[in-house]
Amino acid sequence: MTRSTEFHEGELAVQRRAGVRAEAARLSGMLAPPNLSGGAHIFLGERDLALLTGRDRGGRLWISPILGTPGFLDGRDTTLRVHSRPSAGDPLHDLPIGQPVGMLAIDFGTRRRMRVNGTLTAAGSDGLEMAVDQAYGNCPQYIQQRHLRRDGIAAAQFHAADFGDAEQTRMIEQSDTFFLGTVHPERGADASHRGGTPGFVRVDGTSLWWPDYPGNNMFNSLGNIAIDDTTALLFLDFATGGTLHLSGTAAVEWTAPGARGDDGGTGRRTRFTPQHVVAGAALPFRAADLIPYRRNPHLTD
């Protein structure tokens, strides 16, 4: 899959409705062909956590953590070798090759992140390999600063669940961070970060929603959702190592700017309806320290 250096129709539609088409056009250079040598190689090589968006063998979309020691992400030119894979029992542990995937490498300590999107060309016991079509860094907005430390957790454990029990609701409503997986039928998959003050994600019966905050105006995720509503979420509990995977559908809702719940004042929010749930204890690290991003919007309800 070769990605265009232009925004696709969903991204353009959201940019126009948000009134930021000109601002977004100035960033189109970020979509240029990738080169994972140099600074990108160094950044990826220092990471111990990445998030991967892809489909399981049943065709369901998920976003999952991939863990390793520094050096497990090895990017060269337009190839990314990942010397690890999602844990056994994770929805993406046995993901099929030949599909579009999106990866986000993130450093919470420095609030830096990089998107790496392409096609999964190999998967085995020794890890994964991607042919990369797109790679670029993102700004530090809404990343809560924390320093991860390794923990002697036992083997990961996962179980399927119904959505909406008390523990899931607690985890979602107390989260200051989650990860969002989306896909476009021709332009591939994407993994992105969302952050804010705990409570910015609202559980609303059988669905949940969060306000959209001001960002870089590219609208990669919302643009994908505008074309294909297939969506995946991942919540992490940094105190316990718990994970919550959700696979379902999403829609962009436009409201009056400043309406109740419009914390960022954009007049946009995303509503997600879970269809499949996998809960687990999978993270071999903890993070006791936390410095919230200083410009997190205040909750308005």
C-alpha atoms as a PDB file:
ATOM      1  CA  MET A   1       0.000   0.000   0.000  1.00  0.00           C
ATOM      2  CA  THR A   2       1.472   3.343  -1.094  1.00  0.00           C
ATOM      3  CA  ARG A   3       0.196   6.382   0.698  1.00  0.00           C
ATOM      4  CA  SER A   4      -0.463   9.635  -1.069  1.00  0.00           C
ATOM      5  CA  THR A   5       1.315  12.794  -0.047  1.00  0.00           C
ATOM      6  CA  GLU A   6      -2.073  14.548  -0.055  1.00  0.00           C
ATOM      7  CA  PHE A   7      -4.801  14.444   2.577  1.00  0.00           C
ATOM      8  CA  HIS A   8      -7.592  12.003   1.801  1.00  0.00           C
ATOM      9  CA  GLU A   9     -11.260  12.885   1.367  1.00  0.00           C
ATOM     10  CA  GLY A  10     -12.217  12.276   4.999  1.00  0.00           C
ATOM     11  CA  GLU A  11      -9.412  14.442   6.370  1.00  0.00           C
ATOM     12  CA  LEU A  12     -10.294  17.191   3.900  1.00  0.00           C
ATOM     13  CA  ALA A  13     -13.978  17.066   4.847  1.00  0.00           C
ATOM     14  CA  VAL A  14     -13.255  17.447   8.569  1.00  0.00           C
ATOM     15  CA  GLN A  15     -10.679  20.187   7.929  1.00  0.00           C
ATOM     16  CA  ARG A  16     -13.206  22.154   5.888  1.00  0.00           C
ATOM     17  CA  ARG A  17     -16.007  21.804   8.426  1.00  0.00           C
ATOM     18  CA  ALA A  18     -13.627  22.843  11.219  1.00  0.00           C
ATOM     19  CA  GLY A  19     -12.535  25.852   9.138  1.00  0.00           C
ATOM     20  CA  VAL A  20      -8.817  24.967   9.205  1.00  0.00           C
ATOM     21  CA  ARG A  21      -8.166  23.838   5.641  1.00  0.00           C
ATOM     22  CA  ALA A  22      -5.453  26.461   5.052  1.00  0.00           C
ATOM     23  CA  GLU A  23      -3.690  25.686   8.329  1.00  0.00           C
ATOM     24  CA  ALA A  24      -3.698  21.955   7.561  1.00  0.00           C
ATOM     25  CA  ALA A  25      -2.388  22.490   4.025  1.00  0.00           C
ATOM     26  CA  ARG A  26       0.811  23.949   5.468  1.00  0.00           C
ATOM     27  CA  LEU A  27       1.483  20.592   7.156  1.00  0.00           C
ATOM     28  CA  SER A  28       1.087  18.405   4.083  1.00  0.00           C
ATOM     29  CA  GLY A  29       4.871  18.072   3.874  1.00  0.00           C
ATOM     30  CA  MET A  30       4.664  15.735   6.866  1.00  0.00           C
ATOM     31  CA  LEU A  31       3.083  13.183   4.507  1.00  0.00           C
ATOM     32  CA  ALA A  32       6.222  13.011   2.347  1.00  0.00           C
ATOM     33  CA  PRO A  33       7.892   9.596   1.793  1.00  0.00           C
ATOM     34  CA  PRO A  34       9.509   8.379   5.034  1.00  0.00           C
ATOM     35  CA  ASN A  35      13.137   7.838   5.979  1.00  0.00           C
ATOM     36  CA  LEU A  36      13.696   5.977   9.230  1.00  0.00           C
ATOM     37  CA  SER A  37      17.426   6.607   9.283  1.00  0.00           C
ATOM     38  CA  GLY A  38      18.996   9.473  11.210  1.00  0.00           C
ATOM     39  CA  GLY A  39      16.921  11.080  13.957  1.00  0.00           C
ATOM     40  CA  ALA A  40      13.943   8.771  13.453  1.00  0.00           C
ATOM     41  CA  HIS A  41      16.184   5.724  13.850  1.00  0.00           C
ATOM     42  CA  ILE A  42      17.595   7.108  17.103  1.00  0.00           C
ATOM     43  CA  PHE A  43      14.200   7.997  18.568  1.00  0.00           C
ATOM     44  CA  LEU A  44      12.675   4.620  17.718  1.00  0.00           C
ATOM     45  CA  GLY A  45      15.729   2.785  19.013  1.00  0.00           C
ATOM     46  CA  GLU A  46      15.412   4.378  22.453  1.00  0.00           C
ATOM     47  CA  ARG A  47      11.795   3.361  23.015  1.00  0.00           C
ATOM     48  CA  ASP A  48      10.463   0.528  25.169  1.00  0.00           C
ATOM     49  CA  LEU A  49       6.762   0.956  24.295  1.00  0.00           C
ATOM     50  CA  ALA A  50       4.815   1.200  21.051  1.00  0.00           C
ATOM     51  CA  LEU A  51       1.127   0.893  20.156  1.00  0.00           C
ATOM     52  CA  LEU A  52      -0.003  -1.077  17.113  1.00  0.00           C
ATOM     53  CA  THR A  53      -3.279  -0.811  15.184  1.00  0.00           C
ATOM     54  CA  GLY A  54      -4.269  -3.796  13.066  1.00  0.00           C
ATOM     55  CA  ARG A  55      -6.874  -6.485  12.480  1.00  0.00           C
ATOM     56  CA  ASP A  56      -7.043  -9.920  14.067  1.00  0.00           C
ATOM     57  CA  ARG A  57      -7.672 -13.053  12.013  1.00  0.00           C
ATOM     58  CA  GLY A  58     -11.406 -12.461  12.352  1.00  0.00           C
ATOM     59  CA  GLY A  59     -11.108  -9.006  10.766  1.00  0.00           C
ATOM     60  CA  ARG A  60     -11.726  -7.037  13.982  1.00  0.00           C
ATOM     61  CA  LEU A  61      -9.686  -3.872  14.473  1.00  0.00           C
ATOM     62  CA  TRP A  62      -7.673  -3.501  17.704  1.00  0.00           C
ATOM     63  CA  ILE A  63      -4.901  -1.332  19.098  1.00  0.00           C
ATOM     64  CA  SER A  64      -2.410  -3.129  21.326  1.00  0.00           C
ATOM     65  CA  PRO A  65       0.788  -2.384  23.264  1.00  0.00           C
ATOM     66  CA  ILE A  66       4.105  -3.830  22.137  1.00  0.00           C
ATOM     67  CA  LEU A  67       6.832  -3.865  24.769  1.00  0.00           C
ATOM     68  CA  GLY A  68      10.564  -4.380  24.602  1.00  0.00           C
ATOM     69  CA  THR A  69      13.923  -3.156  25.764  1.00  0.00           C
ATOM     70  CA  PRO A  70      15.485  -0.175  23.958  1.00  0.00           C
ATOM     71  CA  GLY A  71      16.576  -1.313  20.520  1.00  0.00           C
ATOM     72  CA  PHE A  72      13.512  -3.465  19.876  1.00  0.00           C
ATOM     73  CA  LEU A  73      12.311  -0.918  17.296  1.00  0.00           C
ATOM     74  CA  ASP A  74      14.855  -0.884  14.466  1.00  0.00           C
ATOM     75  CA  GLY A  75      14.014   1.518  11.671  1.00  0.00           C
ATOM     76  CA  ARG A  76      16.120   1.766   8.518  1.00  0.00           C
ATOM     77  CA  ASP A  77      15.137   3.652   5.357  1.00  0.00           C
ATOM     78  CA  THR A  78      11.538   2.479   4.749  1.00  0.00           C
ATOM     79  CA  THR A  79      11.619  -0.708   6.837  1.00  0.00           C
ATOM     80  CA  LEU A  80      10.765  -1.066  10.529  1.00  0.00           C
ATOM     81  CA  ARG A  81      11.742  -4.276  12.284  1.00  0.00           C
ATOM     82  CA  VAL A  82      10.017  -4.861  15.612  1.00  0.00           C
ATOM     83  CA  HIS A  83      11.847  -7.395  17.772  1.00  0.00           C
ATOM     84  CA  SER A  84       8.764  -8.087  19.849  1.00  0.00           C
ATOM     85  CA  ARG A  85       5.045  -8.628  19.333  1.00  0.00           C
ATOM     86  CA  PRO A  86       1.800  -8.263  21.316  1.00  0.00           C
ATOM     87  CA  SER A  87       1.650 -10.607  24.317  1.00  0.00           C
ATOM     88  CA  ALA A  88       0.142 -14.080  24.084  1.00  0.00           C
ATOM     89  CA  GLY A  89      -3.607 -13.706  24.579  1.00  0.00           C
ATOM     90  CA  ASP A  90      -3.625 -10.124  23.283  1.00  0.00           C
ATOM     91  CA  PRO A  91      -6.144  -9.646  20.426  1.00  0.00           C
ATOM     92  CA  LEU A  92      -3.274  -8.866  18.015  1.00  0.00           C
ATOM     93  CA  HIS A  93      -0.831 -11.554  19.133  1.00  0.00           C
ATOM     94  CA  ASP A  94      -1.422 -13.582  15.946  1.00  0.00           C
ATOM     95  CA  LEU A  95      -2.276 -10.827  13.480  1.00  0.00           C
ATOM     96  CA  PRO A  96      -2.062 -11.776   9.780  1.00  0.00           C
ATOM     97  CA  ILE A  97       0.545 -10.316   7.442  1.00  0.00           C
ATOM     98  CA  GLY A  98      -0.215  -8.338   4.278  1.00  0.00           C
ATOM     99  CA  GLN A  99      -2.518  -5.912   6.067  1.00  0.00           C
ATOM    100  CA  PRO A 100      -2.144  -2.174   6.686  1.00  0.00           C
ATOM    101  CA  VAL A 101      -0.991  -1.353  10.211  1.00  0.00           C
ATOM    102  CA  GLY A 102      -0.338   1.820  12.158  1.00  0.00           C
ATOM    103  CA  MET A 103       2.201   2.231  14.938  1.00  0.00           C
ATOM    104  CA  LEU A 104       2.782   4.952  17.509  1.00  0.00           C
ATOM    105  CA  ALA A 105       6.083   5.059  19.392  1.00  0.00           C
ATOM    106  CA  ILE A 106       5.838   7.250  22.489  1.00  0.00           C
ATOM    107  CA  ASP A 107       8.129   8.587  25.206  1.00  0.00           C
ATOM    108  CA  PHE A 108       6.046   9.812  28.139  1.00  0.00           C
ATOM    109  CA  GLY A 109       9.115  11.195  29.915  1.00  0.00           C
ATOM    110  CA  THR A 110       9.873  13.751  27.182  1.00  0.00           C
ATOM    111  CA  ARG A 111       6.339  13.962  25.744  1.00  0.00           C
ATOM    112  CA  ARG A 112       7.539  12.911  22.297  1.00  0.00           C
ATOM    113  CA  ARG A 113       5.799  10.582  19.852  1.00  0.00           C
ATOM    114  CA  MET A 114       6.155   9.330  16.293  1.00  0.00           C
ATOM    115  CA  ARG A 115       3.623   7.767  13.943  1.00  0.00           C
ATOM    116  CA  VAL A 116       4.865   4.977  11.657  1.00  0.00           C
ATOM    117  CA  ASN A 117       2.288   3.574   9.212  1.00  0.00           C
ATOM    118  CA  GLY A 118       2.598   0.957   6.494  1.00  0.00           C
ATOM    119  CA  THR A 119       2.049  -2.697   5.628  1.00  0.00           C
ATOM    120  CA  LEU A 120       2.858  -5.688   7.820  1.00  0.00           C
ATOM    121  CA  THR A 121       5.184  -7.848   5.723  1.00  0.00           C
ATOM    122  CA  ALA A 122       6.318 -10.440   8.286  1.00  0.00           C
ATOM    123  CA  ALA A 123       5.192 -11.780  11.649  1.00  0.00           C
ATOM    124  CA  GLY A 124       6.702 -14.593  13.652  1.00  0.00           C
ATOM    125  CA  SER A 125       8.050 -15.653  17.004  1.00  0.00           C
ATOM    126  CA  ASP A 126      10.963 -13.226  16.594  1.00  0.00           C
ATOM    127  CA  GLY A 127       8.760 -10.197  15.936  1.00  0.00           C
ATOM    128  CA  LEU A 128       7.231  -8.144  13.139  1.00  0.00           C
ATOM    129  CA  GLU A 129       8.365  -6.267  10.065  1.00  0.00           C
ATOM    130  CA  MET A 130       6.706  -3.291   8.384  1.00  0.00           C
ATOM    131  CA  ALA A 131       7.150  -1.733   4.964  1.00  0.00           C
ATOM    132  CA  VAL A 132       6.714   1.912   5.957  1.00  0.00           C
ATOM    133  CA  ASP A 133       4.766   4.385   3.841  1.00  0.00           C
ATOM    134  CA  GLN A 134       4.466   7.236   6.314  1.00  0.00           C
ATOM    135  CA  ALA A 135       6.432   8.380   9.376  1.00  0.00           C
ATOM    136  CA  TYR A 136       6.355  11.699  11.205  1.00  0.00           C
ATOM    137  CA  GLY A 137       6.552  13.157  14.687  1.00  0.00           C
ATOM    138  CA  ASN A 138       3.718  14.806  16.584  1.00  0.00           C
ATOM    139  CA  CYS A 139       3.694  17.647  19.101  1.00  0.00           C
ATOM    140  CA  PRO A 140       3.684  17.042  22.891  1.00  0.00           C
ATOM    141  CA  GLN A 141       0.119  18.306  23.390  1.00  0.00           C
ATOM    142  CA  TYR A 142      -1.974  16.463  26.005  1.00  0.00           C
ATOM    143  CA  ILE A 143       0.745  13.919  26.857  1.00  0.00           C
ATOM    144  CA  GLN A 144       0.916  13.520  30.628  1.00  0.00           C
ATOM    145  CA  GLN A 145       4.541  13.260  31.687  1.00  0.00           C
ATOM    146  CA  ARG A 146       5.372  10.057  33.540  1.00  0.00           C
ATOM    147  CA  HIS A 147       8.424   7.861  33.863  1.00  0.00           C
ATOM    148  CA  LEU A 148       7.846   4.157  33.432  1.00  0.00           C
ATOM    149  CA  ARG A 149       9.715   1.651  35.584  1.00  0.00           C
ATOM    150  CA  ARG A 150       9.900  -2.065  34.986  1.00  0.00           C
ATOM    151  CA  ASP A 151       7.886  -4.319  37.258  1.00  0.00           C
ATOM    152  CA  GLY A 152       8.203  -8.053  37.852  1.00  0.00           C
ATOM    153  CA  ILE A 153       4.724  -8.839  36.563  1.00  0.00           C
ATOM    154  CA  ALA A 154       3.919 -12.448  35.672  1.00  0.00           C
ATOM    155  CA  ALA A 155       2.794 -13.570  32.213  1.00  0.00           C
ATOM    156  CA  ALA A 156       0.028 -11.456  30.679  1.00  0.00           C
ATOM    157  CA  GLN A 157      -3.542 -12.587  31.270  1.00  0.00           C
ATOM    158  CA  PHE A 158      -6.556 -11.664  29.152  1.00  0.00           C
ATOM    159  CA  HIS A 159     -10.267 -12.420  29.081  1.00  0.00           C
ATOM    160  CA  ALA A 160     -13.199 -11.442  26.883  1.00  0.00           C
ATOM    161  CA  ALA A 161     -15.893  -9.403  28.621  1.00  0.00           C
ATOM    162  CA  ASP A 162     -19.116  -7.498  28.112  1.00  0.00           C
ATOM    163  CA  PHE A 163     -18.859  -3.736  28.065  1.00  0.00           C
ATOM    164  CA  GLY A 164     -19.857  -1.554  30.960  1.00  0.00           C
ATOM    165  CA  ASP A 165     -19.027  -3.308  34.229  1.00  0.00           C
ATOM    166  CA  ALA A 166     -17.960  -1.242  37.227  1.00  0.00           C
ATOM    167  CA  GLU A 167     -14.228  -1.926  36.813  1.00  0.00           C
ATOM    168  CA  GLN A 168     -14.226  -0.907  33.155  1.00  0.00           C
ATOM    169  CA  THR A 169     -16.164   2.265  33.933  1.00  0.00           C
ATOM    170  CA  ARG A 170     -13.746   3.141  36.732  1.00  0.00           C
ATOM    171  CA  MET A 171     -10.737   2.597  34.515  1.00  0.00           C
ATOM    172  CA  ILE A 172     -12.142   4.695  31.665  1.00  0.00           C
ATOM    173  CA  GLU A 173     -13.355   7.565  33.834  1.00  0.00           C
ATOM    174  CA  GLN A 174     -10.092   7.773  35.779  1.00  0.00           C
ATOM    175  CA  SER A 175      -7.873   7.635  32.697  1.00  0.00           C
ATOM    176  CA  ASP A 176      -5.835  10.637  31.587  1.00  0.00           C
ATOM    177  CA  THR A 177      -4.579   8.763  28.511  1.00  0.00           C
ATOM    178  CA  PHE A 178      -5.839   6.319  25.918  1.00  0.00           C
ATOM    179  CA  PHE A 179      -4.872   5.214  22.420  1.00  0.00           C
ATOM    180  CA  LEU A 180      -7.047   5.317  19.323  1.00  0.00           C
ATOM    181  CA  GLY A 181      -6.856   3.026  16.306  1.00  0.00           C
ATOM    182  CA  THR A 182      -8.574   3.935  13.036  1.00  0.00           C
ATOM    183  CA  VAL A 183      -8.408   2.815   9.413  1.00  0.00           C
ATOM    184  CA  HIS A 184      -9.114   4.083   5.908  1.00  0.00           C
ATOM    185  CA  PRO A 185     -10.077   1.509   3.231  1.00  0.00           C
ATOM    186  CA  GLU A 186      -7.377   2.707   0.818  1.00  0.00           C
ATOM    187  CA  ARG A 187      -4.921   4.739   2.885  1.00  0.00           C
ATOM    188  CA  GLY A 188      -4.287   2.274   5.701  1.00  0.00           C
ATOM    189  CA  ALA A 189      -4.331   2.165   9.488  1.00  0.00           C
ATOM    190  CA  ASP A 190      -3.315   4.710  12.102  1.00  0.00           C
ATOM    191  CA  ALA A 191      -2.516   4.707  15.817  1.00  0.00           C
ATOM    192  CA  SER A 192      -2.818   7.906  17.821  1.00  0.00           C
ATOM    193  CA  HIS A 193      -2.750   9.227  21.384  1.00  0.00           C
ATOM    194  CA  ARG A 194      -5.474  11.037  23.301  1.00  0.00           C
ATOM    195  CA  GLY A 195      -4.971  12.678  26.689  1.00  0.00           C
ATOM    196  CA  GLY A 196      -6.633  15.066  29.106  1.00  0.00           C
ATOM    197  CA  THR A 197      -7.790  15.585  32.661  1.00  0.00           C
ATOM    198  CA  PRO A 198      -9.169  12.364  34.228  1.00  0.00           C
ATOM    199  CA  GLY A 199     -12.848  12.298  33.356  1.00  0.00           C
ATOM    200  CA  PHE A 200     -12.402  13.657  29.830  1.00  0.00           C
ATOM    201  CA  VAL A 201     -13.726  10.339  28.511  1.00  0.00           C
ATOM    202  CA  ARG A 202     -17.391   9.975  29.480  1.00  0.00           C
ATOM    203  CA  VAL A 203     -19.155   6.616  29.746  1.00  0.00           C
ATOM    204  CA  ASP A 204     -22.722   7.057  28.490  1.00  0.00           C
ATOM    205  CA  GLY A 205     -24.720   3.842  28.776  1.00  0.00           C
ATOM    206  CA  THR A 206     -23.600   1.446  26.075  1.00  0.00           C
ATOM    207  CA  SER A 207     -21.239   3.968  24.470  1.00  0.00           C
ATOM    208  CA  LEU A 208     -18.565   6.437  25.507  1.00  0.00           C
ATOM    209  CA  TRP A 209     -17.446   9.781  24.127  1.00  0.00           C
ATOM    210  CA  TRP A 210     -14.718  12.369  24.464  1.00  0.00           C
ATOM    211  CA  PRO A 211     -14.399  15.985  23.259  1.00  0.00           C
ATOM    212  CA  ASP A 212     -11.928  16.783  20.523  1.00  0.00           C
ATOM    213  CA  TYR A 213      -9.201  19.192  21.606  1.00  0.00           C
ATOM    214  CA  PRO A 214      -7.350  21.730  19.441  1.00  0.00           C
ATOM    215  CA  GLY A 215      -4.439  20.034  17.693  1.00  0.00           C
ATOM    216  CA  ASN A 216      -2.410  20.105  14.501  1.00  0.00           C
ATOM    217  CA  ASN A 217      -5.516  20.351  12.282  1.00  0.00           C
ATOM    218  CA  MET A 218      -4.538  17.344  10.145  1.00  0.00           C
ATOM    219  CA  PHE A 219      -7.423  15.232  11.512  1.00  0.00           C
ATOM    220  CA  ASN A 220      -5.902  11.864  10.631  1.00  0.00           C
ATOM    221  CA  SER A 221      -8.113   9.955  13.078  1.00  0.00           C
ATOM    222  CA  LEU A 222     -11.345  11.912  12.609  1.00  0.00           C
ATOM    223  CA  GLY A 223     -10.816  11.854   8.852  1.00  0.00           C
ATOM    224  CA  ASN A 224     -10.524   8.076   8.904  1.00  0.00           C
ATOM    225  CA  ILE A 225     -13.672   7.770  11.042  1.00  0.00           C
ATOM    226  CA  ALA A 226     -15.554  10.012   8.588  1.00  0.00           C
ATOM    227  CA  ILE A 227     -14.944   7.384   5.874  1.00  0.00           C
ATOM    228  CA  ASP A 228     -14.773   4.115   7.846  1.00  0.00           C
ATOM    229  CA  ASP A 229     -16.314   4.001  11.322  1.00  0.00           C
ATOM    230  CA  THR A 230     -14.305   0.920  12.378  1.00  0.00           C
ATOM    231  CA  THR A 231     -12.400   2.003  15.491  1.00  0.00           C
ATOM    232  CA  ALA A 232     -10.382   0.564  18.373  1.00  0.00           C
ATOM    233  CA  LEU A 233      -9.469   1.961  21.799  1.00  0.00           C
ATOM    234  CA  LEU A 234      -6.872   0.939  24.369  1.00  0.00           C
ATOM    235  CA  PHE A 235      -6.856   2.115  27.994  1.00  0.00           C
ATOM    236  CA  LEU A 236      -3.834   1.481  30.229  1.00  0.00           C
ATOM    237  CA  ASP A 237      -3.768   1.512  34.026  1.00  0.00           C
ATOM    238  CA  PHE A 238      -0.289   2.740  34.906  1.00  0.00           C
ATOM    239  CA  ALA A 239      -0.778   1.925  38.593  1.00  0.00           C
ATOM    240  CA  THR A 240      -1.744  -1.740  38.189  1.00  0.00           C
ATOM    241  CA  GLY A 241      -0.557  -2.770  34.714  1.00  0.00           C
ATOM    242  CA  GLY A 242      -4.138  -3.367  33.596  1.00  0.00           C
ATOM    243  CA  THR A 243      -5.285  -3.038  29.991  1.00  0.00           C
ATOM    244  CA  LEU A 244      -8.688  -2.588  28.395  1.00  0.00           C
ATOM    245  CA  HIS A 245      -9.063  -3.261  24.656  1.00  0.00           C
ATOM    246  CA  LEU A 246     -12.237  -2.102  22.913  1.00  0.00           C
ATOM    247  CA  SER A 247     -13.161  -2.769  19.281  1.00  0.00           C
ATOM    248  CA  GLY A 248     -16.241  -1.198  17.710  1.00  0.00           C
ATOM    249  CA  THR A 249     -17.441   1.784  15.723  1.00  0.00           C
ATOM    250  CA  ALA A 250     -17.177   5.547  16.134  1.00  0.00           C
ATOM    251  CA  ALA A 251     -18.775   8.705  14.776  1.00  0.00           C
ATOM    252  CA  VAL A 252     -17.781  12.356  14.835  1.00  0.00           C
ATOM    253  CA  GLU A 253     -20.482  14.530  16.421  1.00  0.00           C
ATOM    254  CA  TRP A 254     -20.592  18.280  15.812  1.00  0.00           C
ATOM    255  CA  THR A 255     -21.999  20.439  18.589  1.00  0.00           C
ATOM    256  CA  ALA A 256     -22.173  24.137  19.375  1.00  0.00           C
ATOM    257  CA  PRO A 257     -18.701  25.324  20.448  1.00  0.00           C
ATOM    258  CA  GLY A 258     -18.698  25.767  24.204  1.00  0.00           C
ATOM    259  CA  ALA A 259     -21.668  23.471  24.790  1.00  0.00           C
ATOM    260  CA  ARG A 260     -21.688  21.361  27.918  1.00  0.00           C
ATOM    261  CA  GLY A 261     -18.947  18.769  27.670  1.00  0.00           C
ATOM    262  CA  ASP A 262     -17.097  20.644  24.918  1.00  0.00           C
ATOM    263  CA  ASP A 263     -14.018  21.023  27.102  1.00  0.00           C
ATOM    264  CA  GLY A 264     -11.716  22.125  24.278  1.00  0.00           C
ATOM    265  CA  GLY A 265     -14.215  24.564  22.765  1.00  0.00           C
ATOM    266  CA  THR A 266     -13.976  22.988  19.306  1.00  0.00           C
ATOM    267  CA  GLY A 267     -17.597  21.927  18.855  1.00  0.00           C
ATOM    268  CA  ARG A 268     -16.463  18.385  18.044  1.00  0.00           C
ATOM    269  CA  ARG A 269     -16.568  15.103  19.918  1.00  0.00           C
ATOM    270  CA  THR A 270     -16.200  11.429  19.091  1.00  0.00           C
ATOM    271  CA  ARG A 271     -18.732   8.835  20.204  1.00  0.00           C
ATOM    272  CA  PHE A 272     -17.600   5.221  20.331  1.00  0.00           C
ATOM    273  CA  THR A 273     -19.770   2.109  20.597  1.00  0.00           C
ATOM    274  CA  PRO A 274     -17.904  -1.024  21.739  1.00  0.00           C
ATOM    275  CA  GLN A 275     -18.699  -4.341  20.088  1.00  0.00           C
ATOM    276  CA  HIS A 276     -15.879  -6.505  21.488  1.00  0.00           C
ATOM    277  CA  VAL A 277     -14.003  -6.174  24.781  1.00  0.00           C
ATOM    278  CA  VAL A 278     -10.809  -7.820  26.028  1.00  0.00           C
ATOM    279  CA  ALA A 279      -9.532  -6.973  29.506  1.00  0.00           C
ATOM    280  CA  GLY A 280      -6.214  -8.008  30.940  1.00  0.00           C
ATOM    281  CA  ALA A 281      -3.153  -7.470  33.090  1.00  0.00           C
ATOM    282  CA  ALA A 282      -0.368  -7.116  30.589  1.00  0.00           C
ATOM    283  CA  LEU A 283       1.992  -4.249  31.318  1.00  0.00           C
ATOM    284  CA  PRO A 284       5.353  -5.057  32.957  1.00  0.00           C
ATOM    285  CA  PHE A 285       5.859  -1.482  34.123  1.00  0.00           C
ATOM    286  CA  ARG A 286       4.395   1.038  36.521  1.00  0.00           C
ATOM    287  CA  ALA A 287       4.427   4.832  36.702  1.00  0.00           C
ATOM    288  CA  ALA A 288       4.020   6.420  40.108  1.00  0.00           C
ATOM    289  CA  ASP A 289       5.031   9.971  39.163  1.00  0.00           C
ATOM    290  CA  LEU A 290       2.801  12.177  37.047  1.00  0.00           C
ATOM    291  CA  ILE A 291       3.022  15.731  35.741  1.00  0.00           C
ATOM    292  CA  PRO A 292      -0.200  16.589  33.872  1.00  0.00           C
ATOM    293  CA  TYR A 293       0.103  18.469  30.624  1.00  0.00           C
ATOM    294  CA  ARG A 294      -0.238  22.111  31.682  1.00  0.00           C
ATOM    295  CA  ARG A 295      -2.797  23.005  29.011  1.00  0.00           C
ATOM    296  CA  ASN A 296      -5.253  20.174  29.568  1.00  0.00           C
ATOM    297  CA  PRO A 297      -8.699  21.764  29.158  1.00  0.00           C
ATOM    298  CA  HIS A 298     -10.859  21.939  32.265  1.00  0.00           C
ATOM    299  CA  LEU A 299     -13.843  19.604  32.358  1.00  0.00           C
ATOM    300  CA  THR A 300     -17.108  21.430  31.731  1.00  0.00           C
ATOM    301  CA  ASP A 301     -19.547  18.938  33.224  1.00  0.00           C
END
